[in-house]
Amino acid sequence: MINPKDNIYAYLGQQLAIPSENINNTGFILNERAKFTLRTGMAIISTANANLDGTGTVADLITAAASGTIVKRIVIKAQGTTTQGMVRIFFKAAGSSWLMREIAVPPITQAATAQTLIAVIDEPFNLKASYLLRAATQNAETFIVTAEAMEYTYPA
């Protein structure tokens, strides 16, 4: 298979922040091989939780691997009629939680001609080792939250 661009686009279409062949034009070469393992975390959330601090009923999506995990995309899909509210995404580490993102949920009445909410967070970020990515909904409505990620390890 031929890569018509170059290797910077070889990682699932994600452009690397620093080209591996030259770090900040210093001439240093990063020749470490890395093994990427794809992971998908999924949770169904439906219990109302208005807390902004990560307490209450919160579902775990993904736990980062020992060497870290790159979360590429988070998809939120409503499973029926929604009212005005929020879906919240949290980080959790060492017993503390932080609010990462709030996604506004508009009021939508599900019908043959009106699809339910689908929201995509398409901004890759790194989860440190053992960090958790979690999700909660403000209102008692059902959502499926999916996180697409890559674990990376360095072979010996």
Protein backbone atom coordinates (compact mmCIF):
# COMPACT_ATOMS: atom_id res chain seq x y z
CA MET A 1 0.00 0.00 0.00
CA ILE A 2 1.32 3.42 -0.91
CA ASN A 3 0.91 6.40 1.38
CA PRO A 4 0.45 9.29 -1.10
CA LYS A 5 1.13 12.00 1.50
CA ASP A 6 3.82 11.13 4.01
CA ASN A 7 4.08 9.33 7.33
CA ILE A 8 2.76 12.25 9.33
CA TYR A 9 -0.76 11.13 8.26
CA ALA A 10 -0.20 7.42 8.95
CA TYR A 11 -1.82 7.43 12.40
CA LEU A 12 -5.54 7.01 11.62
CA GLY A 13 -5.65 10.31 9.79
CA GLN A 14 -4.46 12.18 12.86
CA GLN A 15 -1.73 14.70 12.13
CA LEU A 16 1.10 14.36 14.64
CA ALA A 17 2.01 17.48 16.54
CA ILE A 18 5.76 16.95 15.95
CA PRO A 19 7.09 15.03 12.95
CA SER A 20 8.98 12.02 14.21
CA GLU A 21 11.92 12.67 11.91
CA ASN A 22 12.85 16.08 13.32
CA ILE A 23 11.85 17.54 16.68
CA ASN A 24 11.72 21.36 16.54
CA ASN A 25 14.34 21.43 13.81
CA THR A 26 17.01 20.42 16.34
CA GLY A 27 18.20 17.52 14.24
CA PHE A 28 17.33 15.05 16.98
CA ILE A 29 15.66 11.96 15.57
CA LEU A 30 12.98 10.08 17.44
CA ASN A 31 13.50 6.46 16.45
CA GLU A 32 11.47 4.80 19.18
CA ARG A 33 8.95 2.37 17.86
CA ALA A 34 5.50 2.58 19.36
CA LYS A 35 2.72 0.03 19.27
CA PHE A 36 -0.80 1.45 19.03
CA THR A 37 -3.75 -0.63 20.19
CA LEU A 38 -7.19 0.66 19.29
CA ARG A 39 -9.80 0.77 22.05
CA THR A 40 -13.43 1.75 22.19
CA GLY A 41 -15.13 2.61 25.45
CA MET A 42 -18.90 2.84 25.64
CA ALA A 43 -21.41 3.70 28.33
CA ILE A 44 -25.17 4.12 28.50
CA ILE A 45 -26.09 7.02 30.77
CA SER A 46 -29.65 7.73 31.90
CA THR A 47 -29.62 8.77 35.58
CA ALA A 48 -30.05 12.50 36.22
CA ASN A 49 -26.96 14.11 37.74
CA ALA A 50 -26.69 17.91 37.95
CA ASN A 51 -23.32 17.84 39.77
CA LEU A 52 -20.41 19.66 38.12
CA ASP A 53 -17.70 18.05 40.25
CA GLY A 54 -17.86 14.46 38.97
CA THR A 55 -19.79 13.09 41.95
CA GLY A 56 -23.15 11.36 41.79
CA THR A 57 -24.01 8.81 39.10
CA VAL A 58 -21.20 8.95 36.53
CA ALA A 59 -20.31 6.23 33.99
CA ASP A 60 -16.73 5.20 33.19
CA LEU A 61 -15.86 5.33 29.48
CA ILE A 62 -12.16 4.49 29.32
CA THR A 63 -9.22 4.02 31.68
CA ALA A 64 -5.84 5.08 30.30
CA ALA A 65 -3.15 2.44 29.79
CA ALA A 66 0.08 2.42 31.80
CA SER A 67 1.93 4.45 29.16
CA GLY A 68 -1.05 6.64 28.28
CA THR A 69 -3.98 6.73 25.87
CA ILE A 70 -4.88 9.11 23.06
CA VAL A 71 -8.64 9.75 22.92
CA LYS A 72 -9.40 10.58 19.30
CA ARG A 73 -13.15 11.14 19.34
CA ILE A 74 -16.17 11.11 21.66
CA VAL A 75 -19.64 10.53 20.20
CA ILE A 76 -22.87 11.19 22.13
CA LYS A 77 -26.15 9.83 20.75
CA ALA A 78 -29.55 10.41 22.36
CA GLN A 79 -31.83 7.38 22.46
CA GLY A 80 -35.14 9.24 22.42
CA THR A 81 -36.85 12.57 23.02
CA THR A 82 -34.70 15.08 24.91
CA THR A 83 -35.34 18.20 26.97
CA GLN A 84 -33.01 21.15 27.47
CA GLY A 85 -30.00 19.97 29.47
CA MET A 86 -26.35 18.89 29.37
CA VAL A 87 -24.16 15.85 28.91
CA ARG A 88 -20.92 16.24 30.86
CA ILE A 89 -17.52 14.63 30.27
CA PHE A 90 -15.10 14.37 33.21
CA PHE A 91 -11.50 13.35 33.92
CA LYS A 92 -10.83 11.42 37.11
CA ALA A 93 -7.44 10.78 38.71
CA ALA A 94 -6.36 9.92 42.23
CA GLY A 95 -9.83 10.44 43.67
CA SER A 96 -10.33 13.91 42.13
CA SER A 97 -12.58 14.68 39.16
CA TRP A 98 -12.50 17.63 36.75
CA LEU A 99 -15.15 18.77 34.33
CA MET A 100 -13.68 18.55 30.83
CA ARG A 101 -16.60 19.49 28.59
CA GLU A 102 -20.31 20.25 28.70
CA ILE A 103 -22.39 19.44 25.63
CA ALA A 104 -25.67 21.31 25.37
CA VAL A 105 -28.68 19.07 24.72
CA PRO A 106 -31.52 20.84 22.87
CA PRO A 107 -35.17 19.87 23.26
CA ILE A 108 -35.97 17.45 20.42
CA THR A 109 -39.10 15.34 20.07
CA GLN A 110 -38.13 12.13 18.33
CA ALA A 111 -40.22 11.43 15.23
CA ALA A 112 -39.95 9.84 11.81
CA THR A 113 -38.72 13.16 10.42
CA ALA A 114 -36.70 14.43 13.41
CA GLN A 115 -33.57 12.58 14.43
CA THR A 116 -32.37 12.63 18.01
CA LEU A 117 -29.25 14.47 19.14
CA ILE A 118 -25.85 13.32 17.95
CA ALA A 119 -22.79 15.28 19.12
CA VAL A 120 -19.19 14.57 18.16
CA ILE A 121 -16.15 15.89 20.03
CA ASP A 122 -13.45 15.48 17.42
CA GLU A 123 -10.48 16.98 19.27
CA PRO A 124 -7.80 14.40 20.15
CA PHE A 125 -6.28 14.62 23.62
CA ASN A 126 -3.99 12.54 25.79
CA LEU A 127 -5.09 10.74 28.96
CA LYS A 128 -2.27 10.13 31.43
CA ALA A 129 -1.71 6.67 32.87
CA SER A 130 -4.61 5.44 35.04
CA TYR A 131 -6.78 8.51 34.36
CA LEU A 132 -10.47 7.80 33.77
CA LEU A 133 -12.73 9.42 31.22
CA ARG A 134 -16.31 9.57 32.53
CA ALA A 135 -19.75 10.82 31.42
CA ALA A 136 -23.03 11.92 33.02
CA THR A 137 -26.34 13.43 31.94
CA GLN A 138 -28.14 16.28 33.68
CA ASN A 139 -31.63 14.98 32.93
CA ALA A 140 -33.03 11.47 33.24
CA GLU A 141 -32.73 10.77 29.51
CA THR A 142 -30.81 7.96 27.82
CA PHE A 143 -27.63 8.59 25.85
CA ILE A 144 -24.97 6.27 24.47
CA VAL A 145 -21.50 7.79 24.84
CA THR A 146 -18.64 6.24 22.87
CA ALA A 147 -14.94 7.10 23.14
CA GLU A 148 -12.58 6.04 20.35
CA ALA A 149 -9.00 5.80 21.59
CA MET A 150 -5.51 4.42 20.99
CA GLU A 151 -3.28 2.99 23.70
CA TYR A 152 0.39 3.27 23.04
CA THR A 153 3.24 1.13 24.35
CA TYR A 154 6.94 1.01 23.62
CA PRO A 155 8.26 -2.47 22.80
CA ALA A 156 11.46 -3.55 24.50
